[in-house]
Amino acid sequence: MNPMHSEKATLMRLKNLPRLFRKPDAEKVAPHAAVFLSRAAARGLVHRINRGNYINSFLYGFPGVEEVACFLRPPAYVSCEWALNYRGISLQVPRVCTVVTLSTAVGRGRTLTYQGIQIEFSTISQDLFFGFETVDNILMATAEKAVLDTLHLHKGLPAADELETDRLDPAIMAAMAEQYPRSVQRRLQAHIDLS
């Protein structure tokens, strides 16, 4: 096969793939997707995130941690310490990006590292899957929701005495807290004055 033709064919296939894609997406543009992905990865045109998930890095560069995290377990939103830092509630820079999802593919064995940040996935009930908004094409928990998710999933707040709690809306926090179990409501009262 002509190497120039092969190069053009590869680039055409890459143009038909989004920034983040799955193997089934590649199967739609390449007859032998496994061979195509293997060769493209070896040449640095795509990067494998984990089994079956890829970054079209040649055309689009590398996405942020949040975008990759939400892509891996849809539907999902970024929460807990990562969202608290993003929202300016916590000044501590987290090393873990917590993604809240309805997917059951969670747990220690499902965490992964991307750009030096550990991405962990936590499942949550459908009733608690709310309190986020779209920010730069990703779903990010509001500050109040991030506090509640942290208390629910991690059983406490990191450096609670250093949090910028004056940025939280007590009325919104109280309304959201009613959806959570009583144990979370008690933890919230122990950490944050809602009056």
N, C-alpha and C. Protein backbone atom coordinates (compact mmCIF):
# COMPACT_ATOMS: atom_id res chain seq x y z
N MET A 1 0.84 -1.18 0.00
CA MET A 1 0.00 0.00 0.00
C MET A 1 0.89 1.24 0.00
N ASN A 2 0.48 2.23 -0.72
CA ASN A 2 1.19 3.50 -0.81
C ASN A 2 1.17 4.20 0.55
N PRO A 3 2.35 4.54 1.13
CA PRO A 3 2.38 5.19 2.44
C PRO A 3 1.65 6.53 2.47
N MET A 4 1.70 7.28 1.37
CA MET A 4 1.00 8.57 1.32
C MET A 4 -0.51 8.37 1.37
N HIS A 5 -0.99 7.33 0.65
CA HIS A 5 -2.42 7.03 0.67
C HIS A 5 -2.84 6.62 2.07
N SER A 6 -2.03 5.80 2.72
CA SER A 6 -2.31 5.34 4.07
C SER A 6 -2.37 6.52 5.05
N GLU A 7 -1.43 7.45 4.90
CA GLU A 7 -1.40 8.65 5.75
C GLU A 7 -2.67 9.49 5.57
N LYS A 8 -3.06 9.70 4.32
CA LYS A 8 -4.26 10.48 4.03
C LYS A 8 -5.51 9.79 4.58
N ALA A 9 -5.57 8.47 4.41
CA ALA A 9 -6.71 7.71 4.91
C ALA A 9 -6.81 7.82 6.43
N THR A 10 -5.67 7.74 7.10
CA THR A 10 -5.66 7.86 8.56
C THR A 10 -6.13 9.24 8.98
N LEU A 11 -5.64 10.28 8.34
CA LEU A 11 -6.05 11.64 8.69
C LEU A 11 -7.54 11.88 8.41
N MET A 12 -8.05 11.32 7.33
CA MET A 12 -9.48 11.45 7.03
C MET A 12 -10.32 10.76 8.10
N ARG A 13 -9.86 9.61 8.55
CA ARG A 13 -10.59 8.90 9.60
C ARG A 13 -10.57 9.70 10.90
N LEU A 14 -9.42 10.28 11.21
CA LEU A 14 -9.31 11.08 12.43
C LEU A 14 -10.23 12.30 12.38
N LYS A 15 -10.39 12.90 11.20
CA LYS A 15 -11.26 14.06 11.06
C LYS A 15 -12.72 13.71 11.32
N ASN A 16 -13.06 12.44 11.16
CA ASN A 16 -14.44 11.99 11.39
C ASN A 16 -14.67 11.53 12.83
N LEU A 17 -13.66 11.67 13.67
CA LEU A 17 -13.80 11.28 15.07
C LEU A 17 -13.76 12.52 15.96
N PRO A 18 -14.56 12.55 17.01
CA PRO A 18 -14.54 13.70 17.92
C PRO A 18 -13.30 13.69 18.81
N ARG A 19 -13.19 14.70 19.63
CA ARG A 19 -12.03 14.84 20.53
C ARG A 19 -11.89 13.64 21.46
N LEU A 20 -12.97 13.20 22.03
CA LEU A 20 -13.01 12.00 22.86
C LEU A 20 -13.92 11.00 22.16
N PHE A 21 -13.45 9.78 22.03
CA PHE A 21 -14.28 8.79 21.33
C PHE A 21 -14.05 7.40 21.89
N ARG A 22 -14.99 6.54 21.55
CA ARG A 22 -14.93 5.15 21.99
C ARG A 22 -14.63 4.26 20.79
N LYS A 23 -14.24 3.04 21.06
CA LYS A 23 -13.91 2.11 19.98
C LYS A 23 -15.06 1.95 18.99
N PRO A 24 -16.33 1.86 19.44
CA PRO A 24 -17.42 1.77 18.46
C PRO A 24 -17.47 2.97 17.51
N ASP A 25 -17.04 4.15 17.97
CA ASP A 25 -16.98 5.32 17.08
C ASP A 25 -15.94 5.08 15.98
N ALA A 26 -14.81 4.51 16.36
CA ALA A 26 -13.75 4.22 15.38
C ALA A 26 -14.20 3.15 14.40
N GLU A 27 -15.01 2.21 14.86
CA GLU A 27 -15.51 1.15 13.99
C GLU A 27 -16.39 1.70 12.87
N LYS A 28 -16.97 2.86 13.07
CA LYS A 28 -17.81 3.49 12.06
C LYS A 28 -17.00 4.12 10.94
N VAL A 29 -15.73 4.47 11.22
CA VAL A 29 -14.92 5.15 10.20
C VAL A 29 -13.75 4.31 9.69
N ALA A 30 -13.44 3.22 10.37
CA ALA A 30 -12.32 2.37 9.96
C ALA A 30 -12.77 0.91 9.91
N PRO A 31 -12.58 0.24 8.78
CA PRO A 31 -13.05 -1.14 8.66
C PRO A 31 -12.39 -2.09 9.67
N HIS A 32 -11.15 -1.84 10.00
CA HIS A 32 -10.43 -2.66 10.97
C HIS A 32 -10.02 -1.74 12.12
N ALA A 33 -10.98 -1.42 12.96
CA ALA A 33 -10.79 -0.41 14.00
C ALA A 33 -9.63 -0.75 14.94
N ALA A 34 -9.49 -1.99 15.33
CA ALA A 34 -8.42 -2.36 16.27
C ALA A 34 -7.05 -2.07 15.68
N VAL A 35 -6.87 -2.40 14.41
CA VAL A 35 -5.58 -2.15 13.73
C VAL A 35 -5.38 -0.64 13.58
N PHE A 36 -6.42 0.06 13.15
CA PHE A 36 -6.36 1.51 12.98
C PHE A 36 -5.96 2.18 14.29
N LEU A 37 -6.63 1.82 15.40
CA LEU A 37 -6.36 2.44 16.70
C LEU A 37 -4.96 2.10 17.20
N SER A 38 -4.55 0.88 17.00
CA SER A 38 -3.21 0.47 17.43
C SER A 38 -2.13 1.26 16.69
N ARG A 39 -2.28 1.37 15.39
CA ARG A 39 -1.29 2.11 14.59
C ARG A 39 -1.32 3.60 14.89
N ALA A 40 -2.52 4.17 15.03
CA ALA A 40 -2.64 5.60 15.33
C ALA A 40 -2.06 5.91 16.71
N ALA A 41 -2.26 5.01 17.66
CA ALA A 41 -1.69 5.21 19.00
C ALA A 41 -0.17 5.11 18.97
N ALA A 42 0.34 4.15 18.21
CA ALA A 42 1.79 3.99 18.10
C ALA A 42 2.46 5.22 17.49
N ARG A 43 1.74 5.91 16.62
CA ARG A 43 2.27 7.12 15.98
C ARG A 43 1.96 8.39 16.76
N GLY A 44 1.27 8.25 17.88
CA GLY A 44 0.96 9.41 18.71
C GLY A 44 -0.18 10.25 18.19
N LEU A 45 -0.99 9.70 17.29
CA LEU A 45 -2.11 10.46 16.73
C LEU A 45 -3.34 10.39 17.64
N VAL A 46 -3.49 9.29 18.33
CA VAL A 46 -4.54 9.14 19.33
C VAL A 46 -3.88 8.61 20.61
N HIS A 47 -4.53 8.85 21.73
CA HIS A 47 -4.04 8.34 23.00
C HIS A 47 -5.15 7.56 23.68
N ARG A 48 -4.78 6.43 24.19
CA ARG A 48 -5.73 5.56 24.87
C ARG A 48 -5.87 6.03 26.31
N ILE A 49 -7.09 6.29 26.75
CA ILE A 49 -7.35 6.68 28.14
C ILE A 49 -7.41 5.41 28.99
N ASN A 50 -8.24 4.51 28.57
CA ASN A 50 -8.36 3.19 29.17
C ASN A 50 -9.02 2.30 28.13
N ARG A 51 -9.34 1.09 28.48
CA ARG A 51 -9.87 0.14 27.51
C ARG A 51 -11.10 0.70 26.79
N GLY A 52 -10.96 0.87 25.48
CA GLY A 52 -12.08 1.28 24.64
C GLY A 52 -12.33 2.77 24.55
N ASN A 53 -11.56 3.60 25.25
CA ASN A 53 -11.76 5.05 25.25
C ASN A 53 -10.48 5.76 24.81
N TYR A 54 -10.63 6.73 23.90
CA TYR A 54 -9.47 7.36 23.27
C TYR A 54 -9.62 8.87 23.17
N ILE A 55 -8.46 9.53 22.99
CA ILE A 55 -8.39 10.97 22.75
C ILE A 55 -7.87 11.18 21.34
N ASN A 56 -8.54 11.98 20.56
CA ASN A 56 -8.10 12.34 19.21
C ASN A 56 -7.12 13.51 19.37
N SER A 57 -5.96 13.21 19.93
CA SER A 57 -5.01 14.25 20.34
C SER A 57 -4.33 14.95 19.17
N PHE A 58 -4.17 14.29 18.05
CA PHE A 58 -3.49 14.90 16.91
C PHE A 58 -4.26 16.11 16.40
N LEU A 59 -5.57 15.98 16.30
CA LEU A 59 -6.39 17.07 15.77
C LEU A 59 -6.85 18.06 16.83
N TYR A 60 -7.08 17.58 18.07
CA TYR A 60 -7.73 18.42 19.06
C TYR A 60 -6.92 18.68 20.32
N GLY A 61 -5.75 18.07 20.46
CA GLY A 61 -4.98 18.24 21.69
C GLY A 61 -5.59 17.42 22.82
N PHE A 62 -5.15 17.72 24.02
CA PHE A 62 -5.60 16.96 25.19
C PHE A 62 -6.65 17.74 25.97
N PRO A 63 -7.80 17.12 26.23
CA PRO A 63 -8.85 17.79 27.01
C PRO A 63 -8.47 17.85 28.48
N GLY A 64 -9.19 18.66 29.23
CA GLY A 64 -8.97 18.76 30.66
C GLY A 64 -9.44 17.53 31.40
N VAL A 65 -9.01 17.43 32.63
CA VAL A 65 -9.36 16.29 33.48
C VAL A 65 -10.87 16.13 33.60
N GLU A 66 -11.56 17.25 33.82
CA GLU A 66 -13.01 17.19 34.02
C GLU A 66 -13.73 16.62 32.80
N GLU A 67 -13.31 17.04 31.61
CA GLU A 67 -13.96 16.56 30.39
C GLU A 67 -13.77 15.06 30.21
N VAL A 68 -12.55 14.60 30.45
CA VAL A 68 -12.27 13.16 30.34
C VAL A 68 -13.08 12.39 31.38
N ALA A 69 -13.10 12.91 32.60
CA ALA A 69 -13.79 12.22 33.70
C ALA A 69 -15.27 12.04 33.40
N CYS A 70 -15.93 13.08 32.93
CA CYS A 70 -17.37 12.99 32.64
C CYS A 70 -17.65 12.12 31.41
N PHE A 71 -16.72 12.09 30.48
CA PHE A 71 -16.88 11.28 29.27
C PHE A 71 -16.88 9.78 29.61
N LEU A 72 -16.10 9.38 30.58
CA LEU A 72 -15.90 7.96 30.85
C LEU A 72 -17.11 7.24 31.45
N ARG A 73 -17.91 7.92 32.26
CA ARG A 73 -19.05 7.26 32.92
C ARG A 73 -20.33 8.10 32.83
N PRO A 74 -20.83 8.34 31.64
CA PRO A 74 -22.05 9.16 31.55
C PRO A 74 -23.27 8.40 32.08
N PRO A 75 -24.28 9.08 32.57
CA PRO A 75 -24.28 10.50 32.88
C PRO A 75 -23.46 10.75 34.14
N ALA A 76 -22.75 11.86 34.17
CA ALA A 76 -21.84 12.14 35.28
C ALA A 76 -21.61 13.64 35.43
N TYR A 77 -21.26 14.03 36.64
CA TYR A 77 -20.85 15.41 36.90
C TYR A 77 -19.69 15.41 37.89
N VAL A 78 -18.88 16.45 37.85
CA VAL A 78 -17.73 16.60 38.75
C VAL A 78 -18.23 17.20 40.06
N SER A 79 -17.77 16.65 41.18
CA SER A 79 -18.23 17.13 42.47
C SER A 79 -17.13 17.03 43.53
N CYS A 80 -17.54 17.07 44.77
CA CYS A 80 -16.71 16.96 45.96
C CYS A 80 -15.58 17.99 45.97
N GLU A 81 -14.39 17.59 46.41
CA GLU A 81 -13.29 18.53 46.61
C GLU A 81 -12.92 19.27 45.32
N TRP A 82 -13.01 18.59 44.19
CA TRP A 82 -12.65 19.23 42.92
C TRP A 82 -13.58 20.40 42.63
N ALA A 83 -14.88 20.18 42.79
CA ALA A 83 -15.87 21.23 42.55
C ALA A 83 -15.76 22.33 43.61
N LEU A 84 -15.47 21.95 44.86
CA LEU A 84 -15.30 22.96 45.91
C LEU A 84 -14.15 23.90 45.58
N ASN A 85 -13.07 23.35 45.06
CA ASN A 85 -11.94 24.19 44.65
C ASN A 85 -12.31 25.03 43.44
N TYR A 86 -12.96 24.43 42.46
CA TYR A 86 -13.36 25.15 41.25
C TYR A 86 -14.28 26.32 41.59
N ARG A 87 -15.17 26.13 42.54
CA ARG A 87 -16.14 27.15 42.93
C ARG A 87 -15.57 28.17 43.92
N GLY A 88 -14.32 27.98 44.36
CA GLY A 88 -13.70 28.94 45.27
C GLY A 88 -14.08 28.74 46.72
N ILE A 89 -14.68 27.62 47.06
CA ILE A 89 -15.05 27.34 48.45
C ILE A 89 -13.85 26.80 49.21
N SER A 90 -13.05 25.99 48.56
CA SER A 90 -11.83 25.44 49.15
C SER A 90 -10.64 25.95 48.34
N LEU A 91 -9.64 26.41 49.05
CA LEU A 91 -8.44 26.90 48.37
C LEU A 91 -7.41 25.79 48.19
N GLN A 92 -7.66 24.65 48.81
CA GLN A 92 -6.75 23.52 48.66
C GLN A 92 -6.93 22.89 47.28
N VAL A 93 -5.81 22.67 46.59
CA VAL A 93 -5.85 22.08 45.25
C VAL A 93 -5.91 20.55 45.40
N PRO A 94 -7.01 19.95 44.96
CA PRO A 94 -7.15 18.50 45.12
C PRO A 94 -6.28 17.72 44.12
N ARG A 95 -5.94 16.52 44.51
CA ARG A 95 -5.19 15.61 43.64
C ARG A 95 -6.11 14.52 43.10
N VAL A 96 -7.38 14.58 43.51
CA VAL A 96 -8.37 13.60 43.08
C VAL A 96 -9.58 14.35 42.52
N CYS A 97 -10.01 13.94 41.35
CA CYS A 97 -11.22 14.50 40.74
C CYS A 97 -12.33 13.46 40.92
N THR A 98 -13.31 13.81 41.75
CA THR A 98 -14.42 12.89 42.01
C THR A 98 -15.53 13.14 41.00
N VAL A 99 -15.95 12.07 40.36
CA VAL A 99 -17.02 12.12 39.38
C VAL A 99 -18.19 11.34 39.94
N VAL A 100 -19.34 12.01 40.03
CA VAL A 100 -20.56 11.38 40.53
C VAL A 100 -21.34 10.91 39.31
N THR A 101 -21.75 9.65 39.36
CA THR A 101 -22.38 9.04 38.19
C THR A 101 -23.52 8.11 38.61
N LEU A 102 -24.37 7.81 37.67
CA LEU A 102 -25.41 6.81 37.89
C LEU A 102 -24.89 5.42 37.52
N SER A 103 -23.75 5.37 36.87
CA SER A 103 -23.15 4.10 36.46
C SER A 103 -22.74 3.30 37.69
N THR A 104 -22.80 1.99 37.58
CA THR A 104 -22.36 1.14 38.67
C THR A 104 -20.90 0.70 38.50
N ALA A 105 -20.26 1.15 37.43
CA ALA A 105 -18.85 0.80 37.20
C ALA A 105 -17.97 1.77 37.99
N VAL A 106 -17.95 1.58 39.32
CA VAL A 106 -17.20 2.45 40.21
C VAL A 106 -16.36 1.60 41.15
N GLY A 107 -15.60 2.25 42.01
CA GLY A 107 -14.79 1.55 42.99
C GLY A 107 -13.31 1.73 42.72
N ARG A 108 -12.50 1.28 43.66
CA ARG A 108 -11.05 1.47 43.57
C ARG A 108 -10.45 0.92 42.29
N GLY A 109 -10.96 -0.21 41.84
CA GLY A 109 -10.44 -0.83 40.63
C GLY A 109 -10.78 -0.06 39.36
N ARG A 110 -11.67 0.89 39.46
CA ARG A 110 -12.10 1.66 38.29
C ARG A 110 -11.47 3.06 38.24
N THR A 111 -10.69 3.43 39.24
CA THR A 111 -10.04 4.73 39.20
C THR A 111 -8.94 4.71 38.15
N LEU A 112 -8.59 5.89 37.66
CA LEU A 112 -7.49 5.97 36.71
C LEU A 112 -6.79 7.31 36.89
N THR A 113 -5.59 7.40 36.36
CA THR A 113 -4.81 8.63 36.45
C THR A 113 -4.71 9.25 35.07
N TYR A 114 -4.99 10.55 35.02
CA TYR A 114 -4.90 11.32 33.77
C TYR A 114 -4.25 12.65 34.10
N GLN A 115 -3.19 12.98 33.40
CA GLN A 115 -2.44 14.21 33.59
C GLN A 115 -2.02 14.39 35.05
N GLY A 116 -1.65 13.31 35.70
CA GLY A 116 -1.18 13.35 37.08
C GLY A 116 -2.29 13.47 38.12
N ILE A 117 -3.54 13.46 37.69
CA ILE A 117 -4.69 13.57 38.60
C ILE A 117 -5.41 12.23 38.64
N GLN A 118 -5.73 11.79 39.83
CA GLN A 118 -6.50 10.56 39.97
C GLN A 118 -7.97 10.88 39.78
N ILE A 119 -8.63 10.12 38.93
CA ILE A 119 -10.06 10.28 38.69
C ILE A 119 -10.75 9.11 39.38
N GLU A 120 -11.65 9.44 40.32
CA GLU A 120 -12.41 8.40 41.01
C GLU A 120 -13.89 8.58 40.69
N PHE A 121 -14.57 7.46 40.59
CA PHE A 121 -15.99 7.46 40.24
C PHE A 121 -16.80 6.98 41.44
N SER A 122 -17.85 7.73 41.76
CA SER A 122 -18.75 7.36 42.84
C SER A 122 -20.17 7.32 42.31
N THR A 123 -20.87 6.27 42.63
CA THR A 123 -22.25 6.16 42.18
C THR A 123 -23.17 6.85 43.18
N ILE A 124 -24.27 7.36 42.68
CA ILE A 124 -25.24 8.05 43.53
C ILE A 124 -26.63 7.67 43.02
N SER A 125 -27.59 7.73 43.90
CA SER A 125 -28.95 7.36 43.50
C SER A 125 -29.53 8.40 42.55
N GLN A 126 -30.48 7.98 41.78
CA GLN A 126 -31.16 8.87 40.83
C GLN A 126 -31.77 10.07 41.55
N ASP A 127 -32.27 9.86 42.76
CA ASP A 127 -32.89 10.94 43.54
C ASP A 127 -31.89 12.03 43.91
N LEU A 128 -30.61 11.70 44.00
CA LEU A 128 -29.59 12.68 44.39
C LEU A 128 -28.79 13.19 43.18
N PHE A 129 -29.20 12.80 41.99
CA PHE A 129 -28.50 13.22 40.78
C PHE A 129 -29.08 14.55 40.29
N PHE A 130 -28.67 15.63 40.95
CA PHE A 130 -29.13 16.98 40.63
C PHE A 130 -28.09 17.96 41.18
N GLY A 131 -28.32 19.26 40.98
CA GLY A 131 -27.45 20.26 41.59
C GLY A 131 -26.16 20.52 40.84
N PHE A 132 -26.20 20.46 39.52
CA PHE A 132 -25.02 20.73 38.71
C PHE A 132 -25.42 21.60 37.54
N GLU A 133 -24.42 22.21 36.92
CA GLU A 133 -24.67 23.05 35.75
C GLU A 133 -23.55 22.86 34.75
N THR A 134 -23.84 23.20 33.51
CA THR A 134 -22.84 23.06 32.46
C THR A 134 -21.85 24.21 32.53
N VAL A 135 -20.57 23.86 32.62
CA VAL A 135 -19.48 24.82 32.65
C VAL A 135 -18.43 24.32 31.66
N ASP A 136 -18.18 25.08 30.61
CA ASP A 136 -17.19 24.68 29.60
C ASP A 136 -17.41 23.26 29.08
N ASN A 137 -18.65 22.94 28.74
CA ASN A 137 -19.04 21.65 28.17
C ASN A 137 -18.93 20.46 29.12
N ILE A 138 -18.82 20.73 30.41
CA ILE A 138 -18.83 19.64 31.39
C ILE A 138 -19.88 19.96 32.44
N LEU A 139 -20.32 18.96 33.16
CA LEU A 139 -21.27 19.17 34.24
C LEU A 139 -20.49 19.29 35.55
N MET A 140 -20.68 20.42 36.24
CA MET A 140 -19.97 20.72 37.48
C MET A 140 -21.00 20.96 38.58
N ALA A 141 -20.80 20.34 39.74
CA ALA A 141 -21.71 20.54 40.87
C ALA A 141 -21.66 21.99 41.32
N THR A 142 -22.80 22.49 41.76
CA THR A 142 -22.82 23.81 42.38
C THR A 142 -22.05 23.70 43.70
N ALA A 143 -21.70 24.81 44.28
CA ALA A 143 -20.94 24.80 45.54
C ALA A 143 -21.71 24.07 46.63
N GLU A 144 -22.99 24.34 46.74
CA GLU A 144 -23.81 23.71 47.78
C GLU A 144 -23.90 22.20 47.57
N LYS A 145 -24.09 21.79 46.34
CA LYS A 145 -24.19 20.37 46.02
C LYS A 145 -22.86 19.66 46.28
N ALA A 146 -21.75 20.33 45.96
CA ALA A 146 -20.43 19.74 46.20
C ALA A 146 -20.20 19.49 47.68
N VAL A 147 -20.65 20.42 48.53
CA VAL A 147 -20.52 20.22 49.99
C VAL A 147 -21.32 18.99 50.40
N LEU A 148 -22.56 18.90 49.95
CA LEU A 148 -23.41 17.78 50.34
C LEU A 148 -22.88 16.45 49.80
N ASP A 149 -22.42 16.44 48.57
CA ASP A 149 -21.85 15.20 48.01
C ASP A 149 -20.62 14.77 48.79
N THR A 150 -19.79 15.73 49.19
CA THR A 150 -18.59 15.40 49.96
C THR A 150 -18.97 14.79 51.30
N LEU A 151 -19.95 15.38 51.97
CA LEU A 151 -20.41 14.84 53.25
C LEU A 151 -21.05 13.46 53.07
N HIS A 152 -21.73 13.25 51.96
CA HIS A 152 -22.40 11.98 51.69
C HIS A 152 -21.40 10.89 51.28
N LEU A 153 -20.52 11.21 50.35
CA LEU A 153 -19.62 10.20 49.79
C LEU A 153 -18.34 10.01 50.59
N HIS A 154 -17.82 11.10 51.18
CA HIS A 154 -16.54 11.04 51.91
C HIS A 154 -16.71 11.18 53.41
N LYS A 155 -17.94 11.36 53.86
CA LYS A 155 -18.30 11.40 55.28
C LYS A 155 -17.74 12.60 56.04
N GLY A 156 -17.17 13.57 55.37
CA GLY A 156 -16.64 14.76 56.03
C GLY A 156 -16.12 15.76 55.02
N LEU A 157 -15.73 16.93 55.52
CA LEU A 157 -15.19 17.98 54.65
C LEU A 157 -13.70 18.14 54.92
N PRO A 158 -12.89 18.23 53.87
CA PRO A 158 -11.46 18.43 54.08
C PRO A 158 -11.20 19.85 54.55
N ALA A 159 -10.40 20.01 55.57
CA ALA A 159 -10.03 21.34 56.09
C ALA A 159 -11.27 22.22 56.24
N ALA A 160 -12.27 21.69 56.93
CA ALA A 160 -13.56 22.38 57.06
C ALA A 160 -13.42 23.78 57.62
N ASP A 161 -12.45 23.98 58.50
CA ASP A 161 -12.27 25.30 59.10
C ASP A 161 -11.68 26.32 58.14
N GLU A 162 -11.20 25.86 56.99
CA GLU A 162 -10.61 26.76 55.99
C GLU A 162 -11.54 27.04 54.81
N LEU A 163 -12.74 26.48 54.83
CA LEU A 163 -13.67 26.67 53.72
C LEU A 163 -14.27 28.07 53.74
N GLU A 164 -14.48 28.60 52.56
CA GLU A 164 -15.10 29.92 52.39
C GLU A 164 -16.62 29.75 52.40
N THR A 165 -17.18 29.44 53.58
CA THR A 165 -18.60 29.11 53.68
C THR A 165 -19.51 30.32 53.45
N ASP A 166 -18.97 31.53 53.53
CA ASP A 166 -19.80 32.72 53.28
C ASP A 166 -20.22 32.79 51.82
N ARG A 167 -19.61 32.00 50.94
CA ARG A 167 -19.98 31.96 49.53
C ARG A 167 -21.14 31.00 49.26
N LEU A 168 -21.54 30.26 50.28
CA LEU A 168 -22.63 29.29 50.14
C LEU A 168 -23.96 29.96 50.43
N ASP A 169 -25.01 29.54 49.73
CA ASP A 169 -26.34 30.07 49.96
C ASP A 169 -27.05 29.13 50.94
N PRO A 170 -27.29 29.60 52.17
CA PRO A 170 -27.90 28.73 53.20
C PRO A 170 -29.27 28.18 52.80
N ALA A 171 -30.09 28.97 52.11
CA ALA A 171 -31.43 28.51 51.72
C ALA A 171 -31.33 27.38 50.70
N ILE A 172 -30.47 27.54 49.72
CA ILE A 172 -30.28 26.48 48.71
C ILE A 172 -29.71 25.24 49.36
N MET A 173 -28.73 25.43 50.24
CA MET A 173 -28.10 24.30 50.93
C MET A 173 -29.13 23.54 51.76
N ALA A 174 -29.97 24.24 52.50
CA ALA A 174 -30.97 23.58 53.34
C ALA A 174 -31.99 22.82 52.49
N ALA A 175 -32.42 23.41 51.39
CA ALA A 175 -33.38 22.74 50.50
C ALA A 175 -32.77 21.48 49.90
N MET A 176 -31.54 21.56 49.45
CA MET A 176 -30.88 20.38 48.87
C MET A 176 -30.66 19.30 49.92
N ALA A 177 -30.30 19.71 51.14
CA ALA A 177 -29.99 18.76 52.21
C ALA A 177 -31.19 17.89 52.56
N GLU A 178 -32.40 18.40 52.36
CA GLU A 178 -33.59 17.62 52.66
C GLU A 178 -33.69 16.35 51.81
N GLN A 179 -33.04 16.34 50.67
CA GLN A 179 -33.06 15.17 49.79
C GLN A 179 -32.12 14.05 50.27
N TYR A 180 -31.16 14.41 51.12
CA TYR A 180 -30.13 13.48 51.57
C TYR A 180 -30.57 12.75 52.85
N PRO A 181 -29.90 11.64 53.15
CA PRO A 181 -30.19 10.93 54.41
C PRO A 181 -29.91 11.83 55.62
N ARG A 182 -30.53 11.49 56.74
CA ARG A 182 -30.36 12.27 57.97
C ARG A 182 -28.90 12.34 58.40
N SER A 183 -28.13 11.29 58.16
CA SER A 183 -26.72 11.30 58.56
C SER A 183 -25.96 12.43 57.87
N VAL A 184 -26.29 12.71 56.62
CA VAL A 184 -25.65 13.80 55.89
C VAL A 184 -26.11 15.14 56.46
N GLN A 185 -27.38 15.24 56.78
CA GLN A 185 -27.90 16.47 57.38
C GLN A 185 -27.22 16.76 58.71
N ARG A 186 -26.98 15.73 59.52
CA ARG A 186 -26.28 15.91 60.81
C ARG A 186 -24.84 16.37 60.57
N ARG A 187 -24.16 15.76 59.61
CA ARG A 187 -22.78 16.17 59.31
C ARG A 187 -22.75 17.62 58.85
N LEU A 188 -23.72 18.00 58.05
CA LEU A 188 -23.79 19.37 57.56
C LEU A 188 -23.95 20.35 58.72
N GLN A 189 -24.85 20.04 59.63
CA GLN A 189 -25.05 20.92 60.81
C GLN A 189 -23.80 21.03 61.66
N ALA A 190 -23.02 19.95 61.72
CA ALA A 190 -21.79 19.96 62.52
C ALA A 190 -20.71 20.83 61.87
N HIS A 191 -20.76 21.00 60.57
CA HIS A 191 -19.72 21.74 59.85
C HIS A 191 -20.10 23.15 59.45
N ILE A 192 -21.38 23.37 59.12
CA ILE A 192 -21.77 24.65 58.53
C ILE A 192 -23.04 25.18 59.21
N ASP A 193 -22.99 26.45 59.58
CA ASP A 193 -24.13 27.11 60.20
C ASP A 193 -25.05 27.60 59.08
N LEU A 194 -26.27 27.08 59.02
CA LEU A 194 -27.21 27.44 57.96
C LEU A 194 -28.18 28.55 58.38
N SER A 195 -27.98 29.11 59.55
CA SER A 195 -28.91 30.18 59.99
C SER A 195 -28.60 31.53 59.40
